[in-house]
Amino acid sequence: MIDRLRPLLPHRYSPFNPDAGRGNQGAYLAEISKPLFDAIVSDSMYDYLLLARGGLNSLRYESVVETVEDRIERRIADDLTLDDTERKSVIAARRGQGAFRTSLEKIERACRLTGITTPSLLKAGHIKPWRSCETAKERLDGMNGLLLTPDADHLFDRGFISFEDEGKVRISRRVDREDLRRLGFDQLVFEATGMTEAPADWRTDSFLPEQRAYLDYHRNEVFLS
């Protein structure tokens, strides 16, 4: 599809890179031409008229992700190359349940931001998002996951935070520092603003080599730099 869109992209402030196809995070509210809009929505899962009217608030992050993942789940349910057990496990992994969570809990024992260890207070989420995984193995791989409290999981899932391989927390400039403080992540605010009262870098344990490839994906494709 990128070959079809490339000649229609604006020369300045393109919404995505014409070579790599990645979103251009430096272009905020980029304007696109009618031909480019038509080309994009021609293969869209959304109704053309609804998109043309601005989506009527249906294009929120959560609703888009839900729609994309619903379609992927239906394809998995119809995938005859997977046996029934694996198919159910891959679908359960979408919600952080089943074999994925069991595998993850053998690797991660606590939330890396809060230190909370009570399993019922932790969400099992993917580092490389479930929707972005290319194989069942990636979706079930415990190395492709983190146990985080709901607030921390939300920050990570939306790309407001990420992690360096050695464990240091990376904080997006797009997250409001006062909101971080309200969520209880005062140390993240101290580090992000350079305040001297920060007792130390916010750093967790280093990640395993098998986790680092997934983290590299998150830093490059999910994190809001």
N, C-alpha and C. Protein backbone atom coordinates (compact mmCIF):
# COMPACT_ATOMS: atom_id res chain seq x y z
N MET A 1 0.82 -1.21 0.00
CA MET A 1 0.00 0.00 0.00
C MET A 1 0.86 1.26 0.00
N ILE A 2 2.04 1.19 0.64
CA ILE A 2 2.89 2.37 0.73
C ILE A 2 3.28 2.86 -0.65
N ASP A 3 3.45 1.93 -1.62
CA ASP A 3 3.80 2.34 -2.98
C ASP A 3 2.69 3.16 -3.62
N ARG A 4 1.45 2.82 -3.28
CA ARG A 4 0.30 3.55 -3.83
C ARG A 4 0.16 4.93 -3.17
N LEU A 5 0.54 5.03 -1.88
CA LEU A 5 0.38 6.29 -1.16
C LEU A 5 1.54 7.25 -1.39
N ARG A 6 2.73 6.71 -1.66
CA ARG A 6 3.94 7.53 -1.73
C ARG A 6 3.80 8.75 -2.64
N PRO A 7 3.32 8.61 -3.88
CA PRO A 7 3.24 9.80 -4.74
C PRO A 7 2.19 10.81 -4.31
N LEU A 8 1.32 10.44 -3.39
CA LEU A 8 0.25 11.34 -2.94
C LEU A 8 0.62 12.11 -1.68
N LEU A 9 1.75 11.76 -1.07
CA LEU A 9 2.14 12.39 0.19
C LEU A 9 2.61 13.83 -0.03
N PRO A 10 2.34 14.71 0.93
CA PRO A 10 2.85 16.09 0.80
C PRO A 10 4.36 16.11 0.95
N HIS A 11 5.00 17.07 0.31
CA HIS A 11 6.46 17.16 0.38
C HIS A 11 6.93 17.60 1.75
N ARG A 12 6.12 18.40 2.43
CA ARG A 12 6.46 18.85 3.79
C ARG A 12 5.39 18.37 4.76
N TYR A 13 5.81 18.07 5.97
CA TYR A 13 4.89 17.66 7.04
C TYR A 13 4.06 16.44 6.66
N SER A 14 4.71 15.46 6.05
CA SER A 14 4.03 14.22 5.72
C SER A 14 3.65 13.49 7.00
N PRO A 15 2.43 12.91 7.07
CA PRO A 15 2.03 12.21 8.29
C PRO A 15 2.82 10.93 8.55
N PHE A 16 3.49 10.40 7.53
CA PHE A 16 4.36 9.25 7.77
C PHE A 16 5.51 9.23 6.77
N ASN A 17 6.56 8.51 7.14
CA ASN A 17 7.76 8.42 6.33
C ASN A 17 7.48 7.66 5.03
N PRO A 18 7.74 8.28 3.86
CA PRO A 18 7.40 7.62 2.60
C PRO A 18 8.25 6.40 2.28
N ASP A 19 9.38 6.25 2.94
CA ASP A 19 10.26 5.12 2.69
C ASP A 19 9.99 3.96 3.66
N ALA A 20 9.99 4.29 4.96
CA ALA A 20 9.82 3.24 5.97
C ALA A 20 8.36 2.95 6.27
N GLY A 21 7.48 3.92 6.00
CA GLY A 21 6.07 3.72 6.31
C GLY A 21 5.71 4.00 7.74
N ARG A 22 6.66 4.43 8.55
CA ARG A 22 6.39 4.73 9.96
C ARG A 22 5.76 6.11 10.10
N GLY A 23 4.94 6.25 11.15
CA GLY A 23 4.32 7.53 11.41
C GLY A 23 5.36 8.59 11.73
N ASN A 24 5.12 9.81 11.23
CA ASN A 24 6.02 10.94 11.49
C ASN A 24 5.52 11.66 12.73
N GLN A 25 6.13 11.40 13.88
CA GLN A 25 5.66 11.97 15.14
C GLN A 25 5.91 13.47 15.22
N GLY A 26 6.75 13.99 14.33
CA GLY A 26 7.02 15.43 14.32
C GLY A 26 5.95 16.22 13.59
N ALA A 27 5.07 15.54 12.86
CA ALA A 27 4.00 16.21 12.12
C ALA A 27 2.72 16.11 12.91
N TYR A 28 2.33 17.18 13.56
CA TYR A 28 1.15 17.18 14.42
C TYR A 28 -0.04 17.71 13.64
N LEU A 29 -1.13 16.95 13.56
CA LEU A 29 -2.34 17.32 12.83
C LEU A 29 -2.00 17.67 11.38
N ALA A 30 -1.28 16.78 10.72
CA ALA A 30 -0.89 17.02 9.32
C ALA A 30 -2.11 17.02 8.42
N GLU A 31 -2.14 17.94 7.48
CA GLU A 31 -3.23 18.01 6.50
C GLU A 31 -2.91 17.08 5.34
N ILE A 32 -3.92 16.37 4.85
CA ILE A 32 -3.71 15.50 3.70
C ILE A 32 -4.71 15.87 2.61
N SER A 33 -4.36 15.52 1.38
CA SER A 33 -5.21 15.85 0.24
C SER A 33 -6.37 14.87 0.14
N LYS A 34 -7.38 15.25 -0.63
CA LYS A 34 -8.53 14.36 -0.86
C LYS A 34 -8.10 13.06 -1.54
N PRO A 35 -7.23 13.10 -2.57
CA PRO A 35 -6.79 11.84 -3.18
C PRO A 35 -6.08 10.91 -2.19
N LEU A 36 -5.29 11.49 -1.29
CA LEU A 36 -4.60 10.67 -0.30
C LEU A 36 -5.61 10.07 0.68
N PHE A 37 -6.57 10.87 1.11
CA PHE A 37 -7.62 10.38 2.01
C PHE A 37 -8.38 9.22 1.35
N ASP A 38 -8.75 9.39 0.08
CA ASP A 38 -9.50 8.35 -0.62
C ASP A 38 -8.69 7.07 -0.73
N ALA A 39 -7.38 7.21 -1.00
CA ALA A 39 -6.53 6.03 -1.13
C ALA A 39 -6.40 5.29 0.20
N ILE A 40 -6.30 6.04 1.29
CA ILE A 40 -6.14 5.42 2.61
C ILE A 40 -7.40 4.67 3.02
N VAL A 41 -8.56 5.31 2.86
CA VAL A 41 -9.79 4.70 3.35
C VAL A 41 -10.35 3.64 2.41
N SER A 42 -9.80 3.54 1.20
CA SER A 42 -10.32 2.54 0.27
C SER A 42 -10.18 1.12 0.81
N ASP A 43 -9.14 0.90 1.63
CA ASP A 43 -8.94 -0.42 2.23
C ASP A 43 -9.23 -0.42 3.72
N SER A 44 -9.91 0.61 4.20
CA SER A 44 -10.13 0.75 5.63
C SER A 44 -11.26 -0.16 6.11
N MET A 45 -11.18 -0.50 7.39
CA MET A 45 -12.24 -1.29 8.01
C MET A 45 -13.37 -0.39 8.50
N TYR A 46 -13.20 0.95 8.36
CA TYR A 46 -14.22 1.88 8.82
C TYR A 46 -15.06 2.38 7.66
N ASP A 47 -16.26 2.78 7.97
CA ASP A 47 -17.18 3.31 6.97
C ASP A 47 -16.64 4.62 6.40
N TYR A 48 -16.66 4.72 5.06
CA TYR A 48 -16.11 5.89 4.37
C TYR A 48 -16.78 7.18 4.82
N LEU A 49 -18.11 7.20 4.85
CA LEU A 49 -18.83 8.43 5.21
C LEU A 49 -18.56 8.83 6.65
N LEU A 50 -18.43 7.84 7.52
CA LEU A 50 -18.13 8.14 8.92
C LEU A 50 -16.76 8.78 9.05
N LEU A 51 -15.78 8.26 8.32
CA LEU A 51 -14.45 8.85 8.34
C LEU A 51 -14.46 10.26 7.78
N ALA A 52 -15.20 10.46 6.70
CA ALA A 52 -15.26 11.78 6.07
C ALA A 52 -15.87 12.82 6.99
N ARG A 53 -16.74 12.39 7.90
CA ARG A 53 -17.34 13.32 8.86
C ARG A 53 -16.49 13.48 10.12
N GLY A 54 -15.32 12.87 10.12
CA GLY A 54 -14.43 13.01 11.27
C GLY A 54 -14.55 11.90 12.26
N GLY A 55 -15.30 10.85 11.92
CA GLY A 55 -15.37 9.68 12.79
C GLY A 55 -16.40 9.76 13.88
N LEU A 56 -17.00 10.95 14.11
CA LEU A 56 -18.00 11.10 15.17
C LEU A 56 -17.53 10.50 16.48
N ASN A 57 -16.28 10.80 16.83
CA ASN A 57 -15.65 10.37 18.08
C ASN A 57 -15.43 8.86 18.16
N SER A 58 -15.58 8.15 17.04
CA SER A 58 -15.39 6.70 17.08
C SER A 58 -13.94 6.31 16.82
N LEU A 59 -13.09 7.28 16.51
CA LEU A 59 -11.70 6.97 16.17
C LEU A 59 -10.76 7.25 17.34
N ARG A 60 -11.26 7.10 18.55
CA ARG A 60 -10.40 7.18 19.71
C ARG A 60 -9.41 6.02 19.67
N TYR A 61 -8.29 6.19 20.36
CA TYR A 61 -7.25 5.16 20.39
C TYR A 61 -7.84 3.81 20.78
N GLU A 62 -8.63 3.79 21.85
CA GLU A 62 -9.17 2.53 22.35
C GLU A 62 -10.08 1.85 21.33
N SER A 63 -10.94 2.64 20.66
CA SER A 63 -11.87 2.03 19.71
C SER A 63 -11.16 1.53 18.47
N VAL A 64 -10.12 2.24 18.03
CA VAL A 64 -9.36 1.79 16.87
C VAL A 64 -8.64 0.49 17.19
N VAL A 65 -7.96 0.45 18.36
CA VAL A 65 -7.25 -0.76 18.76
C VAL A 65 -8.21 -1.93 18.88
N GLU A 66 -9.37 -1.70 19.49
CA GLU A 66 -10.36 -2.76 19.66
C GLU A 66 -10.81 -3.31 18.31
N THR A 67 -11.04 -2.42 17.35
CA THR A 67 -11.48 -2.85 16.03
C THR A 67 -10.41 -3.66 15.32
N VAL A 68 -9.16 -3.17 15.37
CA VAL A 68 -8.05 -3.88 14.73
C VAL A 68 -7.87 -5.26 15.36
N GLU A 69 -7.88 -5.32 16.69
CA GLU A 69 -7.65 -6.59 17.37
C GLU A 69 -8.82 -7.55 17.17
N ASP A 70 -10.03 -7.04 17.07
CA ASP A 70 -11.17 -7.91 16.78
C ASP A 70 -10.98 -8.61 15.44
N ARG A 71 -10.51 -7.86 14.45
CA ARG A 71 -10.29 -8.45 13.13
C ARG A 71 -9.19 -9.51 13.16
N ILE A 72 -8.11 -9.20 13.88
CA ILE A 72 -7.03 -10.17 13.99
C ILE A 72 -7.51 -11.42 14.70
N GLU A 73 -8.30 -11.24 15.76
CA GLU A 73 -8.81 -12.39 16.51
C GLU A 73 -9.69 -13.27 15.62
N ARG A 74 -10.50 -12.66 14.77
CA ARG A 74 -11.33 -13.46 13.87
C ARG A 74 -10.49 -14.25 12.89
N ARG A 75 -9.38 -13.64 12.42
CA ARG A 75 -8.50 -14.37 11.50
C ARG A 75 -7.84 -15.55 12.21
N ILE A 76 -7.44 -15.33 13.47
CA ILE A 76 -6.83 -16.41 14.24
C ILE A 76 -7.82 -17.54 14.47
N ALA A 77 -9.06 -17.17 14.78
CA ALA A 77 -10.09 -18.18 15.03
C ALA A 77 -10.34 -19.05 13.80
N ASP A 78 -10.07 -18.49 12.62
CA ASP A 78 -10.28 -19.24 11.37
C ASP A 78 -9.00 -19.86 10.83
N ASP A 79 -7.89 -19.70 11.55
CA ASP A 79 -6.59 -20.17 11.07
C ASP A 79 -6.47 -21.68 11.28
N LEU A 80 -6.52 -22.43 10.21
CA LEU A 80 -6.47 -23.89 10.31
C LEU A 80 -5.06 -24.41 10.53
N THR A 81 -4.05 -23.54 10.45
CA THR A 81 -2.68 -23.98 10.72
C THR A 81 -2.41 -24.11 12.22
N LEU A 82 -3.30 -23.57 13.05
CA LEU A 82 -3.15 -23.67 14.50
C LEU A 82 -4.09 -24.74 15.03
N ASP A 83 -3.59 -25.54 15.98
CA ASP A 83 -4.51 -26.50 16.60
C ASP A 83 -5.40 -25.76 17.58
N ASP A 84 -6.43 -26.42 18.05
CA ASP A 84 -7.45 -25.76 18.86
C ASP A 84 -6.88 -25.17 20.14
N THR A 85 -5.96 -25.90 20.78
CA THR A 85 -5.37 -25.41 22.04
C THR A 85 -4.56 -24.15 21.81
N GLU A 86 -3.73 -24.17 20.76
CA GLU A 86 -2.90 -22.99 20.48
C GLU A 86 -3.76 -21.81 20.07
N ARG A 87 -4.80 -22.07 19.30
CA ARG A 87 -5.69 -21.00 18.88
C ARG A 87 -6.33 -20.31 20.09
N LYS A 88 -6.82 -21.11 21.02
CA LYS A 88 -7.43 -20.53 22.22
C LYS A 88 -6.41 -19.78 23.06
N SER A 89 -5.18 -20.30 23.14
CA SER A 89 -4.14 -19.65 23.92
C SER A 89 -3.76 -18.30 23.33
N VAL A 90 -3.66 -18.22 22.01
CA VAL A 90 -3.30 -16.97 21.34
C VAL A 90 -4.39 -15.93 21.56
N ILE A 91 -5.64 -16.35 21.48
CA ILE A 91 -6.75 -15.41 21.69
C ILE A 91 -6.79 -14.94 23.14
N ALA A 92 -6.56 -15.86 24.09
CA ALA A 92 -6.54 -15.48 25.51
C ALA A 92 -5.39 -14.51 25.80
N ALA A 93 -4.30 -14.63 25.07
CA ALA A 93 -3.14 -13.76 25.28
C ALA A 93 -3.47 -12.31 24.98
N ARG A 94 -4.47 -12.08 24.14
CA ARG A 94 -4.89 -10.70 23.83
C ARG A 94 -5.27 -9.97 25.11
N ARG A 95 -5.90 -10.67 26.04
CA ARG A 95 -6.33 -10.06 27.31
C ARG A 95 -5.32 -10.30 28.43
N GLY A 96 -4.14 -10.82 28.08
CA GLY A 96 -3.13 -11.06 29.11
C GLY A 96 -3.47 -12.25 29.99
N GLN A 97 -4.11 -13.25 29.43
CA GLN A 97 -4.54 -14.40 30.21
C GLN A 97 -3.93 -15.69 29.66
N GLY A 98 -4.24 -16.80 30.33
CA GLY A 98 -3.87 -18.12 29.84
C GLY A 98 -2.38 -18.40 29.86
N ALA A 99 -1.92 -19.12 28.83
CA ALA A 99 -0.53 -19.56 28.77
C ALA A 99 0.43 -18.40 28.74
N PHE A 100 0.03 -17.27 28.12
CA PHE A 100 0.91 -16.11 28.07
C PHE A 100 1.21 -15.58 29.47
N ARG A 101 0.18 -15.42 30.27
CA ARG A 101 0.41 -14.89 31.62
C ARG A 101 1.21 -15.89 32.47
N THR A 102 0.90 -17.16 32.34
CA THR A 102 1.63 -18.17 33.10
C THR A 102 3.12 -18.13 32.76
N SER A 103 3.43 -18.01 31.49
CA SER A 103 4.82 -17.93 31.06
C SER A 103 5.47 -16.64 31.56
N LEU A 104 4.72 -15.53 31.48
CA LEU A 104 5.25 -14.22 31.91
C LEU A 104 5.55 -14.21 33.40
N GLU A 105 4.68 -14.81 34.21
CA GLU A 105 4.87 -14.78 35.66
C GLU A 105 6.09 -15.56 36.11
N LYS A 106 6.65 -16.41 35.25
CA LYS A 106 7.90 -17.10 35.57
C LYS A 106 9.11 -16.20 35.36
N ILE A 107 8.90 -15.08 34.65
CA ILE A 107 10.00 -14.17 34.31
C ILE A 107 9.91 -12.88 35.11
N GLU A 108 8.72 -12.27 35.12
CA GLU A 108 8.49 -11.01 35.83
C GLU A 108 7.66 -11.29 37.08
N ARG A 109 8.10 -10.76 38.21
CA ARG A 109 7.41 -11.06 39.48
C ARG A 109 6.76 -9.83 40.10
N ALA A 110 7.03 -8.63 39.53
CA ALA A 110 6.52 -7.41 40.14
C ALA A 110 6.40 -6.32 39.08
N CYS A 111 5.61 -5.30 39.40
CA CYS A 111 5.52 -4.12 38.53
C CYS A 111 6.85 -3.38 38.57
N ARG A 112 7.39 -3.07 37.43
CA ARG A 112 8.70 -2.44 37.37
C ARG A 112 8.68 -0.96 37.76
N LEU A 113 7.50 -0.35 37.86
CA LEU A 113 7.43 1.04 38.30
C LEU A 113 7.08 1.16 39.78
N THR A 114 6.23 0.27 40.28
CA THR A 114 5.74 0.42 41.65
C THR A 114 6.29 -0.63 42.60
N GLY A 115 6.78 -1.74 42.07
CA GLY A 115 7.26 -2.82 42.93
C GLY A 115 6.16 -3.70 43.48
N ILE A 116 4.91 -3.45 43.12
CA ILE A 116 3.80 -4.25 43.62
C ILE A 116 3.92 -5.68 43.10
N THR A 117 3.68 -6.65 43.99
CA THR A 117 3.85 -8.06 43.64
C THR A 117 2.56 -8.87 43.69
N THR A 118 1.49 -8.30 44.23
CA THR A 118 0.23 -9.05 44.32
C THR A 118 -0.32 -9.30 42.93
N PRO A 119 -0.42 -10.55 42.49
CA PRO A 119 -0.82 -10.85 41.11
C PRO A 119 -2.15 -10.23 40.69
N SER A 120 -3.12 -10.19 41.61
CA SER A 120 -4.44 -9.68 41.24
C SER A 120 -4.42 -8.17 40.98
N LEU A 121 -3.35 -7.49 41.37
CA LEU A 121 -3.23 -6.05 41.14
C LEU A 121 -2.42 -5.73 39.89
N LEU A 122 -1.96 -6.75 39.20
CA LEU A 122 -1.06 -6.55 38.06
C LEU A 122 -1.71 -7.03 36.76
N LYS A 123 -1.49 -6.26 35.70
CA LYS A 123 -1.94 -6.64 34.37
C LYS A 123 -0.78 -7.26 33.61
N ALA A 124 -1.07 -8.29 32.86
CA ALA A 124 -0.06 -8.91 31.99
C ALA A 124 -0.23 -8.33 30.59
N GLY A 125 0.71 -7.50 30.19
CA GLY A 125 0.62 -6.87 28.88
C GLY A 125 1.81 -7.19 28.01
N HIS A 126 1.63 -7.06 26.73
CA HIS A 126 2.71 -7.33 25.78
C HIS A 126 3.61 -6.11 25.63
N ILE A 127 4.89 -6.37 25.43
CA ILE A 127 5.85 -5.30 25.11
C ILE A 127 5.66 -4.91 23.65
N LYS A 128 5.84 -5.86 22.74
CA LYS A 128 5.43 -5.67 21.35
C LYS A 128 3.95 -5.98 21.32
N PRO A 129 3.10 -5.01 21.01
CA PRO A 129 1.66 -5.21 21.15
C PRO A 129 1.14 -6.48 20.48
N TRP A 130 0.14 -7.07 21.10
CA TRP A 130 -0.49 -8.30 20.58
C TRP A 130 -0.88 -8.12 19.12
N ARG A 131 -1.44 -6.96 18.79
CA ARG A 131 -1.90 -6.70 17.43
C ARG A 131 -0.74 -6.60 16.44
N SER A 132 0.46 -6.28 16.93
CA SER A 132 1.62 -6.10 16.05
C SER A 132 2.45 -7.36 15.89
N CYS A 133 2.18 -8.37 16.72
CA CYS A 133 2.95 -9.61 16.63
C CYS A 133 2.67 -10.30 15.31
N GLU A 134 3.69 -10.94 14.76
CA GLU A 134 3.58 -11.57 13.45
C GLU A 134 3.29 -13.06 13.54
N THR A 135 3.53 -13.66 14.70
CA THR A 135 3.34 -15.10 14.84
C THR A 135 2.67 -15.41 16.17
N ALA A 136 2.14 -16.63 16.26
CA ALA A 136 1.58 -17.10 17.53
C ALA A 136 2.66 -17.17 18.60
N LYS A 137 3.86 -17.52 18.20
CA LYS A 137 4.96 -17.63 19.16
C LYS A 137 5.22 -16.29 19.85
N GLU A 138 5.21 -15.21 19.07
CA GLU A 138 5.43 -13.89 19.68
C GLU A 138 4.30 -13.54 20.65
N ARG A 139 3.08 -13.89 20.29
CA ARG A 139 1.94 -13.53 21.14
C ARG A 139 1.91 -14.34 22.44
N LEU A 140 2.54 -15.51 22.44
CA LEU A 140 2.54 -16.37 23.63
C LEU A 140 3.85 -16.31 24.40
N ASP A 141 4.83 -15.60 23.87
CA ASP A 141 6.16 -15.57 24.47
C ASP A 141 6.15 -14.73 25.75
N GLY A 142 6.46 -15.35 26.88
CA GLY A 142 6.52 -14.61 28.14
C GLY A 142 7.57 -13.52 28.13
N MET A 143 8.61 -13.67 27.30
CA MET A 143 9.64 -12.64 27.19
C MET A 143 9.09 -11.37 26.55
N ASN A 144 7.95 -11.49 25.90
CA ASN A 144 7.30 -10.34 25.27
C ASN A 144 6.23 -9.77 26.20
N GLY A 145 6.52 -9.67 27.48
CA GLY A 145 5.50 -9.16 28.38
C GLY A 145 6.06 -8.49 29.61
N LEU A 146 5.21 -7.71 30.26
CA LEU A 146 5.51 -7.08 31.53
C LEU A 146 4.29 -7.21 32.44
N LEU A 147 4.53 -7.34 33.74
CA LEU A 147 3.48 -7.25 34.73
C LEU A 147 3.51 -5.83 35.30
N LEU A 148 2.43 -5.08 35.11
CA LEU A 148 2.39 -3.69 35.55
C LEU A 148 1.05 -3.41 36.22
N THR A 149 1.03 -2.45 37.13
CA THR A 149 -0.24 -1.98 37.67
C THR A 149 -1.04 -1.34 36.53
N PRO A 150 -2.36 -1.22 36.66
CA PRO A 150 -3.16 -0.67 35.56
C PRO A 150 -2.69 0.69 35.06
N ASP A 151 -2.34 1.61 35.97
CA ASP A 151 -1.87 2.93 35.53
C ASP A 151 -0.55 2.83 34.78
N ALA A 152 0.37 2.04 35.30
CA ALA A 152 1.65 1.88 34.63
C ALA A 152 1.47 1.18 33.28
N ASP A 153 0.59 0.20 33.24
CA ASP A 153 0.32 -0.51 31.99
C ASP A 153 -0.24 0.44 30.94
N HIS A 154 -1.12 1.34 31.37
CA HIS A 154 -1.70 2.31 30.44
C HIS A 154 -0.62 3.24 29.88
N LEU A 155 0.26 3.72 30.73
CA LEU A 155 1.35 4.59 30.28
C LEU A 155 2.24 3.87 29.28
N PHE A 156 2.54 2.60 29.56
CA PHE A 156 3.41 1.83 28.68
C PHE A 156 2.71 1.50 27.37
N ASP A 157 1.45 1.07 27.45
CA ASP A 157 0.70 0.69 26.26
C ASP A 157 0.51 1.87 25.31
N ARG A 158 0.30 3.07 25.85
CA ARG A 158 0.09 4.25 25.02
C ARG A 158 1.39 4.89 24.55
N GLY A 159 2.53 4.38 25.03
CA GLY A 159 3.81 4.92 24.59
C GLY A 159 4.29 6.12 25.36
N PHE A 160 3.69 6.39 26.53
CA PHE A 160 4.13 7.52 27.33
C PHE A 160 5.41 7.20 28.11
N ILE A 161 5.67 5.92 28.33
CA ILE A 161 6.92 5.50 28.94
C ILE A 161 7.44 4.29 28.17
N SER A 162 8.73 4.05 28.29
CA SER A 162 9.34 2.83 27.79
C SER A 162 10.54 2.54 28.68
N PHE A 163 11.33 1.55 28.33
CA PHE A 163 12.47 1.16 29.14
C PHE A 163 13.70 0.96 28.26
N GLU A 164 14.86 1.39 28.80
CA GLU A 164 16.13 1.03 28.19
C GLU A 164 16.45 -0.41 28.55
N ASP A 165 17.34 -1.02 27.80
CA ASP A 165 17.69 -2.42 28.05
C ASP A 165 18.21 -2.63 29.47
N GLU A 166 18.92 -1.60 30.00
CA GLU A 166 19.50 -1.73 31.34
C GLU A 166 18.50 -1.44 32.45
N GLY A 167 17.29 -1.05 32.07
CA GLY A 167 16.24 -0.86 33.07
C GLY A 167 15.82 0.57 33.33
N LYS A 168 16.55 1.55 32.78
CA LYS A 168 16.18 2.94 33.03
C LYS A 168 14.87 3.26 32.32
N VAL A 169 14.03 4.05 32.99
CA VAL A 169 12.73 4.41 32.43
C VAL A 169 12.90 5.58 31.46
N ARG A 170 12.31 5.45 30.28
CA ARG A 170 12.28 6.53 29.30
C ARG A 170 10.90 7.18 29.35
N ILE A 171 10.85 8.50 29.45
CA ILE A 171 9.59 9.23 29.63
C ILE A 171 9.33 10.12 28.42
N SER A 172 8.15 10.02 27.84
CA SER A 172 7.80 10.83 26.68
C SER A 172 7.58 12.28 27.08
N ARG A 173 7.96 13.18 26.20
CA ARG A 173 7.69 14.60 26.43
C ARG A 173 6.20 14.91 26.31
N ARG A 174 5.43 13.96 25.78
CA ARG A 174 4.02 14.22 25.53
C ARG A 174 3.11 13.91 26.73
N VAL A 175 3.67 13.36 27.80
CA VAL A 175 2.85 13.09 28.97
C VAL A 175 2.99 14.25 29.95
N ASP A 176 1.88 14.71 30.46
CA ASP A 176 1.87 15.84 31.38
C ASP A 176 2.51 15.44 32.71
N ARG A 177 3.50 16.21 33.13
CA ARG A 177 4.24 15.87 34.36
C ARG A 177 3.34 15.93 35.59
N GLU A 178 2.41 16.86 35.60
CA GLU A 178 1.52 16.95 36.76
C GLU A 178 0.60 15.74 36.82
N ASP A 179 0.20 15.23 35.65
CA ASP A 179 -0.61 14.02 35.64
C ASP A 179 0.20 12.83 36.17
N LEU A 180 1.48 12.76 35.81
CA LEU A 180 2.34 11.70 36.36
C LEU A 180 2.38 11.79 37.89
N ARG A 181 2.49 13.02 38.39
CA ARG A 181 2.53 13.20 39.84
C ARG A 181 1.22 12.75 40.48
N ARG A 182 0.09 13.09 39.85
CA ARG A 182 -1.21 12.70 40.38
C ARG A 182 -1.36 11.18 40.42
N LEU A 183 -0.72 10.50 39.45
CA LEU A 183 -0.77 9.05 39.41
C LEU A 183 0.15 8.41 40.45
N GLY A 184 0.96 9.23 41.11
CA GLY A 184 1.85 8.71 42.13
C GLY A 184 3.26 8.44 41.65
N PHE A 185 3.58 8.83 40.42
CA PHE A 185 4.91 8.59 39.89
C PHE A 185 5.78 9.84 40.04
N ASP A 186 5.91 10.29 41.29
CA ASP A 186 6.65 11.52 41.57
C ASP A 186 8.11 11.43 41.12
N GLN A 187 8.71 10.25 41.29
CA GLN A 187 10.12 10.13 40.94
C GLN A 187 10.32 10.26 39.43
N LEU A 188 9.34 9.80 38.65
CA LEU A 188 9.43 10.01 37.21
C LEU A 188 9.43 11.49 36.89
N VAL A 189 8.63 12.28 37.62
CA VAL A 189 8.57 13.73 37.40
C VAL A 189 9.90 14.36 37.77
N PHE A 190 10.46 13.95 38.92
CA PHE A 190 11.74 14.50 39.33
C PHE A 190 12.81 14.27 38.27
N GLU A 191 12.87 13.06 37.76
CA GLU A 191 13.91 12.74 36.77
C GLU A 191 13.66 13.47 35.46
N ALA A 192 12.41 13.53 35.03
CA ALA A 192 12.10 14.15 33.75
C ALA A 192 12.37 15.65 33.74
N THR A 193 12.19 16.30 34.90
CA THR A 193 12.37 17.75 34.98
C THR A 193 13.75 18.14 35.47
N GLY A 194 14.58 17.17 35.82
CA GLY A 194 15.93 17.47 36.27
C GLY A 194 16.01 18.04 37.67
N MET A 195 14.98 17.83 38.48
CA MET A 195 14.98 18.37 39.84
C MET A 195 16.01 17.64 40.69
N THR A 196 16.73 18.36 41.48
CA THR A 196 17.85 17.79 42.23
C THR A 196 17.40 16.88 43.36
N GLU A 197 16.12 17.00 43.78
CA GLU A 197 15.69 16.17 44.89
C GLU A 197 15.41 14.73 44.48
N ALA A 198 15.52 14.44 43.19
CA ALA A 198 15.35 13.05 42.78
C ALA A 198 16.45 12.21 43.42
N PRO A 199 16.10 11.19 44.22
CA PRO A 199 17.10 10.43 44.95
C PRO A 199 18.02 9.63 44.05
N ALA A 200 17.55 9.25 42.86
CA ALA A 200 18.38 8.47 41.93
C ALA A 200 17.62 8.34 40.62
N ASP A 201 18.32 7.91 39.59
CA ASP A 201 17.61 7.60 38.36
C ASP A 201 16.54 6.55 38.64
N TRP A 202 15.37 6.72 37.99
CA TRP A 202 14.35 5.68 38.10
C TRP A 202 14.81 4.52 37.24
N ARG A 203 15.26 3.50 37.89
CA ARG A 203 15.87 2.38 37.17
C ARG A 203 15.39 1.07 37.77
N THR A 204 15.04 0.14 36.93
CA THR A 204 14.66 -1.19 37.38
C THR A 204 15.80 -2.14 37.05
N ASP A 205 15.61 -3.40 37.31
CA ASP A 205 16.63 -4.38 36.94
C ASP A 205 16.80 -4.43 35.43
N SER A 206 17.97 -4.83 34.98
CA SER A 206 18.22 -4.99 33.56
C SER A 206 17.29 -6.06 32.98
N PHE A 207 16.98 -5.91 31.73
CA PHE A 207 16.13 -6.89 31.05
C PHE A 207 16.98 -8.02 30.47
N LEU A 208 16.35 -9.17 30.34
CA LEU A 208 17.02 -10.32 29.78
C LEU A 208 17.25 -10.12 28.28
N PRO A 209 18.26 -10.76 27.72
CA PRO A 209 18.52 -10.60 26.27
C PRO A 209 17.30 -10.90 25.42
N GLU A 210 16.50 -11.89 25.82
CA GLU A 210 15.33 -12.26 25.03
C GLU A 210 14.24 -11.18 25.06
N GLN A 211 14.25 -10.35 26.13
CA GLN A 211 13.27 -9.28 26.23
C GLN A 211 13.67 -8.05 25.42
N ARG A 212 14.95 -7.92 25.15
CA ARG A 212 15.46 -6.66 24.60
C ARG A 212 15.03 -6.42 23.16
N ALA A 213 14.85 -7.46 22.37
CA ALA A 213 14.37 -7.27 21.00
C ALA A 213 12.95 -6.70 21.01
N TYR A 214 12.13 -7.19 21.93
CA TYR A 214 10.77 -6.65 22.04
C TYR A 214 10.79 -5.20 22.52
N LEU A 215 11.68 -4.89 23.47
CA LEU A 215 11.80 -3.51 23.95
C LEU A 215 12.27 -2.58 22.85
N ASP A 216 13.16 -3.07 21.99
CA ASP A 216 13.62 -2.25 20.87
C ASP A 216 12.44 -1.89 19.98
N TYR A 217 11.55 -2.85 19.75
CA TYR A 217 10.34 -2.57 18.96
C TYR A 217 9.49 -1.51 19.66
N HIS A 218 9.30 -1.67 20.96
CA HIS A 218 8.46 -0.72 21.70
C HIS A 218 9.04 0.68 21.64
N ARG A 219 10.34 0.82 21.83
CA ARG A 219 10.97 2.14 21.81
C ARG A 219 10.84 2.81 20.44
N ASN A 220 10.91 2.02 19.38
CA ASN A 220 10.90 2.58 18.03
C ASN A 220 9.51 2.73 17.43
N GLU A 221 8.57 1.87 17.83
CA GLU A 221 7.27 1.86 17.17
C GLU A 221 6.10 2.29 18.06
N VAL A 222 6.27 2.25 19.38
CA VAL A 222 5.17 2.57 20.30
C VAL A 222 5.46 3.83 21.10
N PHE A 223 6.67 3.95 21.61
CA PHE A 223 7.05 5.08 22.45
C PHE A 223 6.89 6.40 21.70
N LEU A 224 6.27 7.39 22.35
CA LEU A 224 6.07 8.71 21.76
C LEU A 224 7.28 9.57 22.05
N SER A 225 8.23 9.57 21.14
CA SER A 225 9.49 10.29 21.36
C SER A 225 9.29 11.79 21.18
